[in-house]
PDB file of all heavy atoms in Angstrom:
ATOM      1  N   TYR A   1       0.826  -1.193   0.000  1.00  0.00           N
ATOM      2  CA  TYR A   1       0.000   0.000   0.000  1.00  0.00           C
ATOM      3  C   TYR A   1       0.864   1.247   0.000  1.00  0.00           C
ATOM      4  O   TYR A   1       1.895   1.305   0.686  1.00  0.00           O
ATOM      5  CB  TYR A   1      -0.901   0.045   1.232  1.00  0.00           C
ATOM      6  CG  TYR A   1      -1.917  -1.069   1.302  1.00  0.00           C
ATOM      7  CD1 TYR A   1      -1.632  -2.253   1.976  1.00  0.00           C
ATOM      8  CD2 TYR A   1      -3.157  -0.930   0.701  1.00  0.00           C
ATOM      9  CE1 TYR A   1      -2.559  -3.272   2.039  1.00  0.00           C
ATOM     10  CE2 TYR A   1      -4.092  -1.948   0.760  1.00  0.00           C
ATOM     11  CZ  TYR A   1      -3.790  -3.118   1.431  1.00  0.00           C
ATOM     12  OH  TYR A   1      -4.712  -4.130   1.495  1.00  0.00           O
ATOM     13  N   ALA A   2       0.438   2.234  -0.746  1.00  0.00           N
ATOM     14  CA  ALA A   2       1.034   3.548  -0.614  1.00  0.00           C
ATOM     15  C   ALA A   2       0.747   4.090   0.782  1.00  0.00           C
ATOM     16  O   ALA A   2      -0.222   3.685   1.435  1.00  0.00           O
ATOM     17  CB  ALA A   2       0.462   4.494  -1.676  1.00  0.00           C
ATOM     18  N   ASP A   3       1.582   5.014   1.228  1.00  0.00           N
ATOM     19  CA  ASP A   3       1.411   5.550   2.569  1.00  0.00           C
ATOM     20  C   ASP A   3       0.021   6.150   2.780  1.00  0.00           C
ATOM     21  O   ASP A   3      -0.575   6.000   3.849  1.00  0.00           O
ATOM     22  CB  ASP A   3       2.482   6.600   2.858  1.00  0.00           C
ATOM     23  CG  ASP A   3       3.859   6.003   3.062  1.00  0.00           C
ATOM     24  OD1 ASP A   3       3.955   4.781   3.304  1.00  0.00           O
ATOM     25  OD2 ASP A   3       4.843   6.759   2.990  1.00  0.00           O
ATOM     26  N   PHE A   4      -0.483   6.830   1.771  1.00  0.00           N
ATOM     27  CA  PHE A   4      -1.781   7.475   1.917  1.00  0.00           C
ATOM     28  C   PHE A   4      -2.920   6.466   1.999  1.00  0.00           C
ATOM     29  O   PHE A   4      -4.012   6.793   2.471  1.00  0.00           O
ATOM     30  CB  PHE A   4      -2.035   8.461   0.764  1.00  0.00           C
ATOM     31  CG  PHE A   4      -2.179   7.816  -0.587  1.00  0.00           C
ATOM     32  CD1 PHE A   4      -3.369   7.234  -0.982  1.00  0.00           C
ATOM     33  CD2 PHE A   4      -1.111   7.809  -1.476  1.00  0.00           C
ATOM     34  CE1 PHE A   4      -3.505   6.648  -2.225  1.00  0.00           C
ATOM     35  CE2 PHE A   4      -1.229   7.224  -2.726  1.00  0.00           C
ATOM     36  CZ  PHE A   4      -2.436   6.639  -3.095  1.00  0.00           C
ATOM     37  N   ALA A   5      -2.674   5.251   1.527  1.00  0.00           N
ATOM     38  CA  ALA A   5      -3.718   4.232   1.491  1.00  0.00           C
ATOM     39  C   ALA A   5      -3.682   3.280   2.679  1.00  0.00           C
ATOM     40  O   ALA A   5      -4.720   2.711   3.054  1.00  0.00           O
ATOM     41  CB  ALA A   5      -3.603   3.423   0.194  1.00  0.00           C
ATOM     42  N   ARG A   6      -2.533   3.109   3.248  1.00  0.00           N
ATOM     43  CA  ARG A   6      -2.355   2.139   4.324  1.00  0.00           C
ATOM     44  C   ARG A   6      -3.240   2.475   5.517  1.00  0.00           C
ATOM     45  O   ARG A   6      -3.240   3.598   6.013  1.00  0.00           O
ATOM     46  CB  ARG A   6      -0.891   2.090   4.741  1.00  0.00           C
ATOM     47  CG  ARG A   6      -0.560   0.937   5.687  1.00  0.00           C
ATOM     48  CD  ARG A   6       0.945   0.836   5.932  1.00  0.00           C
ATOM     49  NE  ARG A   6       1.677   0.547   4.701  1.00  0.00           N
ATOM     50  CZ  ARG A   6       2.453   1.419   4.069  1.00  0.00           C
ATOM     51  NH1 ARG A   6       2.621   2.642   4.559  1.00  0.00           N
ATOM     52  NH2 ARG A   6       3.071   1.071   2.956  1.00  0.00           N
ATOM     53  N   GLY A   7      -4.005   1.494   5.959  1.00  0.00           N
ATOM     54  CA  GLY A   7      -4.913   1.694   7.074  1.00  0.00           C
ATOM     55  C   GLY A   7      -6.292   2.164   6.683  1.00  0.00           C
ATOM     56  O   GLY A   7      -7.213   2.119   7.510  1.00  0.00           O
ATOM     57  N   ARG A   8      -6.455   2.626   5.453  1.00  0.00           N
ATOM     58  CA  ARG A   8      -7.756   3.090   4.976  1.00  0.00           C
ATOM     59  C   ARG A   8      -8.307   2.228   3.849  1.00  0.00           C
ATOM     60  O   ARG A   8      -9.516   2.037   3.753  1.00  0.00           O
ATOM     61  CB  ARG A   8      -7.676   4.542   4.489  1.00  0.00           C
ATOM     62  CG  ARG A   8      -7.298   5.544   5.546  1.00  0.00           C
ATOM     63  CD  ARG A   8      -7.520   6.967   5.051  1.00  0.00           C
ATOM     64  NE  ARG A   8      -6.701   7.268   3.872  1.00  0.00           N
ATOM     65  CZ  ARG A   8      -7.192   7.742   2.724  1.00  0.00           C
ATOM     66  NH1 ARG A   8      -8.490   7.968   2.593  1.00  0.00           N
ATOM     67  NH2 ARG A   8      -6.370   8.006   1.714  1.00  0.00           N
ATOM     68  N   PHE A   9      -7.419   1.742   2.998  1.00  0.00           N
ATOM     69  CA  PHE A   9      -7.816   0.946   1.842  1.00  0.00           C
ATOM     70  C   PHE A   9      -7.394  -0.503   2.044  1.00  0.00           C
ATOM     71  O   PHE A   9      -6.408  -0.789   2.736  1.00  0.00           O
ATOM     72  CB  PHE A   9      -7.169   1.465   0.558  1.00  0.00           C
ATOM     73  CG  PHE A   9      -7.526   2.874   0.185  1.00  0.00           C
ATOM     74  CD1 PHE A   9      -6.881   3.485  -0.876  1.00  0.00           C
ATOM     75  CD2 PHE A   9      -8.495   3.584   0.869  1.00  0.00           C
ATOM     76  CE1 PHE A   9      -7.194   4.781  -1.245  1.00  0.00           C
ATOM     77  CE2 PHE A   9      -8.819   4.888   0.513  1.00  0.00           C
ATOM     78  CZ  PHE A   9      -8.166   5.482  -0.547  1.00  0.00           C
ATOM     79  N   LEU A  10      -8.127  -1.409   1.417  1.00  0.00           N
ATOM     80  CA  LEU A  10      -7.811  -2.827   1.491  1.00  0.00           C
ATOM     81  C   LEU A  10      -7.959  -3.451   0.113  1.00  0.00           C
ATOM     82  O   LEU A  10      -9.024  -3.367  -0.496  1.00  0.00           O
ATOM     83  CB  LEU A  10      -8.722  -3.545   2.488  1.00  0.00           C
ATOM     84  CG  LEU A  10      -8.463  -5.038   2.687  1.00  0.00           C
ATOM     85  CD1 LEU A  10      -7.104  -5.258   3.347  1.00  0.00           C
ATOM     86  CD2 LEU A  10      -9.568  -5.667   3.520  1.00  0.00           C
ATOM     87  N   ILE A  11      -6.888  -4.063  -0.370  1.00  0.00           N
ATOM     88  CA  ILE A  11      -6.930  -4.743  -1.652  1.00  0.00           C
ATOM     89  C   ILE A  11      -7.155  -6.232  -1.423  1.00  0.00           C
ATOM     90  O   ILE A  11      -6.660  -6.813  -0.451  1.00  0.00           O
ATOM     91  CB  ILE A  11      -5.632  -4.493  -2.457  1.00  0.00           C
ATOM     92  CG1 ILE A  11      -5.776  -4.981  -3.902  1.00  0.00           C
ATOM     93  CG2 ILE A  11      -4.425  -5.132  -1.786  1.00  0.00           C
ATOM     94  CD1 ILE A  11      -4.623  -4.541  -4.806  1.00  0.00           C
ATOM     95  N   SER A  12      -7.909  -6.849  -2.305  1.00  0.00           N
ATOM     96  CA  SER A  12      -8.144  -8.285  -2.234  1.00  0.00           C
ATOM     97  C   SER A  12      -8.413  -8.806  -3.636  1.00  0.00           C
ATOM     98  O   SER A  12      -8.641  -8.027  -4.565  1.00  0.00           O
ATOM     99  CB  SER A  12      -9.318  -8.612  -1.298  1.00  0.00           C
ATOM    100  OG  SER A  12     -10.521  -8.030  -1.771  1.00  0.00           O
ATOM    101  N   ARG A  13      -8.372 -10.111  -3.792  1.00  0.00           N
ATOM    102  CA  ARG A  13      -8.672 -10.696  -5.095  1.00  0.00           C
ATOM    103  C   ARG A  13      -9.402 -12.008  -4.922  1.00  0.00           C
ATOM    104  O   ARG A  13      -9.215 -12.729  -3.932  1.00  0.00           O
ATOM    105  CB  ARG A  13      -7.400 -10.882  -5.934  1.00  0.00           C
ATOM    106  CG  ARG A  13      -6.427 -11.929  -5.418  1.00  0.00           C
ATOM    107  CD  ARG A  13      -5.100 -11.858  -6.169  1.00  0.00           C
ATOM    108  NE  ARG A  13      -5.243 -12.234  -7.572  1.00  0.00           N
ATOM    109  CZ  ARG A  13      -4.310 -12.014  -8.505  1.00  0.00           C
ATOM    110  NH1 ARG A  13      -3.176 -11.403  -8.176  1.00  0.00           N
ATOM    111  NH2 ARG A  13      -4.521 -12.397  -9.760  1.00  0.00           N
ATOM    112  N   ASP A  14     -10.230 -12.315  -5.897  1.00  0.00           N
ATOM    113  CA  ASP A  14     -10.944 -13.574  -5.965  1.00  0.00           C
ATOM    114  C   ASP A  14     -10.612 -14.168  -7.325  1.00  0.00           C
ATOM    115  O   ASP A  14     -11.218 -13.811  -8.339  1.00  0.00           O
ATOM    116  CB  ASP A  14     -12.449 -13.362  -5.797  1.00  0.00           C
ATOM    117  CG  ASP A  14     -13.225 -14.662  -5.745  1.00  0.00           C
ATOM    118  OD1 ASP A  14     -12.674 -15.719  -6.138  1.00  0.00           O
ATOM    119  OD2 ASP A  14     -14.392 -14.633  -5.308  1.00  0.00           O
ATOM    120  N   ASN A  15      -9.635 -15.056  -7.336  1.00  0.00           N
ATOM    121  CA  ASN A  15      -9.180 -15.597  -8.612  1.00  0.00           C
ATOM    122  C   ASN A  15     -10.239 -16.451  -9.299  1.00  0.00           C
ATOM    123  O   ASN A  15     -10.234 -16.570 -10.523  1.00  0.00           O
ATOM    124  CB  ASN A  15      -7.892 -16.402  -8.407  1.00  0.00           C
ATOM    125  CG  ASN A  15      -6.697 -15.518  -8.140  1.00  0.00           C
ATOM    126  OD1 ASN A  15      -6.681 -14.341  -8.510  1.00  0.00           O
ATOM    127  ND2 ASN A  15      -5.677 -16.070  -7.493  1.00  0.00           N
ATOM    128  N   ALA A  16     -11.140 -17.036  -8.531  1.00  0.00           N
ATOM    129  CA  ALA A  16     -12.219 -17.813  -9.126  1.00  0.00           C
ATOM    130  C   ALA A  16     -13.151 -16.930  -9.943  1.00  0.00           C
ATOM    131  O   ALA A  16     -13.816 -17.406 -10.868  1.00  0.00           O
ATOM    132  CB  ALA A  16     -13.009 -18.558  -8.057  1.00  0.00           C
ATOM    133  N   LYS A  17     -13.217 -15.649  -9.603  1.00  0.00           N
ATOM    134  CA  LYS A  17     -14.051 -14.695 -10.319  1.00  0.00           C
ATOM    135  C   LYS A  17     -13.246 -13.746 -11.191  1.00  0.00           C
ATOM    136  O   LYS A  17     -13.812 -12.820 -11.773  1.00  0.00           O
ATOM    137  CB  LYS A  17     -14.890 -13.893  -9.335  1.00  0.00           C
ATOM    138  CG  LYS A  17     -15.881 -14.727  -8.540  1.00  0.00           C
ATOM    139  CD  LYS A  17     -16.707 -13.857  -7.612  1.00  0.00           C
ATOM    140  CE  LYS A  17     -17.731 -14.683  -6.866  1.00  0.00           C
ATOM    141  NZ  LYS A  17     -18.545 -13.850  -5.946  1.00  0.00           N
ATOM    142  N   ASN A  18     -11.942 -13.959 -11.268  1.00  0.00           N
ATOM    143  CA  ASN A  18     -11.058 -13.088 -12.049  1.00  0.00           C
ATOM    144  C   ASN A  18     -11.247 -11.624 -11.677  1.00  0.00           C
ATOM    145  O   ASN A  18     -11.298 -10.740 -12.542  1.00  0.00           O
ATOM    146  CB  ASN A  18     -11.298 -13.282 -13.551  1.00  0.00           C
ATOM    147  CG  ASN A  18     -10.767 -14.600 -14.073  1.00  0.00           C
ATOM    148  OD1 ASN A  18     -10.105 -15.350 -13.363  1.00  0.00           O
ATOM    149  ND2 ASN A  18     -11.060 -14.892 -15.334  1.00  0.00           N
ATOM    150  N   THR A  19     -11.330 -11.372 -10.384  1.00  0.00           N
ATOM    151  CA  THR A  19     -11.655 -10.037  -9.912  1.00  0.00           C
ATOM    152  C   THR A  19     -10.700  -9.596  -8.810  1.00  0.00           C
ATOM    153  O   THR A  19     -10.367 -10.381  -7.915  1.00  0.00           O
ATOM    154  CB  THR A  19     -13.094  -9.979  -9.394  1.00  0.00           C
ATOM    155  OG1 THR A  19     -13.991 -10.382 -10.438  1.00  0.00           O
ATOM    156  CG2 THR A  19     -13.454  -8.569  -8.960  1.00  0.00           C
ATOM    157  N   VAL A  20     -10.287  -8.338  -8.880  1.00  0.00           N
ATOM    158  CA  VAL A  20      -9.546  -7.701  -7.813  1.00  0.00           C
ATOM    159  C   VAL A  20     -10.389  -6.542  -7.290  1.00  0.00           C
ATOM    160  O   VAL A  20     -11.090  -5.877  -8.057  1.00  0.00           O
ATOM    161  CB  VAL A  20      -8.153  -7.227  -8.284  1.00  0.00           C
ATOM    162  CG1 VAL A  20      -8.262  -6.192  -9.402  1.00  0.00           C
ATOM    163  CG2 VAL A  20      -7.341  -6.684  -7.117  1.00  0.00           C
ATOM    164  N   TYR A  21     -10.330  -6.315  -5.982  1.00  0.00           N
ATOM    165  CA  TYR A  21     -11.145  -5.304  -5.333  1.00  0.00           C
ATOM    166  C   TYR A  21     -10.263  -4.283  -4.620  1.00  0.00           C
ATOM    167  O   TYR A  21      -9.131  -4.567  -4.230  1.00  0.00           O
ATOM    168  CB  TYR A  21     -12.067  -5.931  -4.289  1.00  0.00           C
ATOM    169  CG  TYR A  21     -12.954  -7.026  -4.818  1.00  0.00           C
ATOM    170  CD1 TYR A  21     -12.564  -8.361  -4.723  1.00  0.00           C
ATOM    171  CD2 TYR A  21     -14.181  -6.736  -5.408  1.00  0.00           C
ATOM    172  CE1 TYR A  21     -13.372  -9.377  -5.202  1.00  0.00           C
ATOM    173  CE2 TYR A  21     -14.994  -7.740  -5.887  1.00  0.00           C
ATOM    174  CZ  TYR A  21     -14.592  -9.057  -5.783  1.00  0.00           C
ATOM    175  OH  TYR A  21     -15.404 -10.067  -6.257  1.00  0.00           O
ATOM    176  N   LEU A  22     -10.807  -3.111  -4.436  1.00  0.00           N
ATOM    177  CA  LEU A  22     -10.203  -2.118  -3.570  1.00  0.00           C
ATOM    178  C   LEU A  22     -11.297  -1.540  -2.684  1.00  0.00           C
ATOM    179  O   LEU A  22     -12.153  -0.790  -3.162  1.00  0.00           O
ATOM    180  CB  LEU A  22      -9.521  -1.002  -4.362  1.00  0.00           C
ATOM    181  CG  LEU A  22      -8.760   0.020  -3.520  1.00  0.00           C
ATOM    182  CD1 LEU A  22      -7.524  -0.620  -2.898  1.00  0.00           C
ATOM    183  CD2 LEU A  22      -8.366   1.242  -4.342  1.00  0.00           C
ATOM    184  N   GLN A  23     -11.278  -1.913  -1.424  1.00  0.00           N
ATOM    185  CA  GLN A  23     -12.184  -1.339  -0.442  1.00  0.00           C
ATOM    186  C   GLN A  23     -11.575  -0.043   0.062  1.00  0.00           C
ATOM    187  O   GLN A  23     -10.440  -0.034   0.550  1.00  0.00           O
ATOM    188  CB  GLN A  23     -12.404  -2.309   0.716  1.00  0.00           C
ATOM    189  CG  GLN A  23     -13.292  -1.768   1.828  1.00  0.00           C
ATOM    190  CD  GLN A  23     -14.723  -1.591   1.402  1.00  0.00           C
ATOM    191  OE1 GLN A  23     -15.262  -2.430   0.682  1.00  0.00           O
ATOM    192  NE2 GLN A  23     -15.346  -0.509   1.831  1.00  0.00           N
ATOM    193  N   MET A  24     -12.310   1.037  -0.061  1.00  0.00           N
ATOM    194  CA  MET A  24     -11.832   2.352   0.314  1.00  0.00           C
ATOM    195  C   MET A  24     -12.695   2.882   1.453  1.00  0.00           C
ATOM    196  O   MET A  24     -13.892   3.105   1.280  1.00  0.00           O
ATOM    197  CB  MET A  24     -11.878   3.314  -0.875  1.00  0.00           C
ATOM    198  CG  MET A  24     -11.099   2.828  -2.089  1.00  0.00           C
ATOM    199  SD  MET A  24     -11.384   3.836  -3.582  1.00  0.00           S
ATOM    200  CE  MET A  24     -10.803   5.438  -3.040  1.00  0.00           C
TER     201      MET A  24
END
């Protein structure tokens, strides 16, 4: 995570759905 994102944003992926997420 970039410094500005750490603690606020969360990245995740679901390879079964070929999808990456960014929770902000």
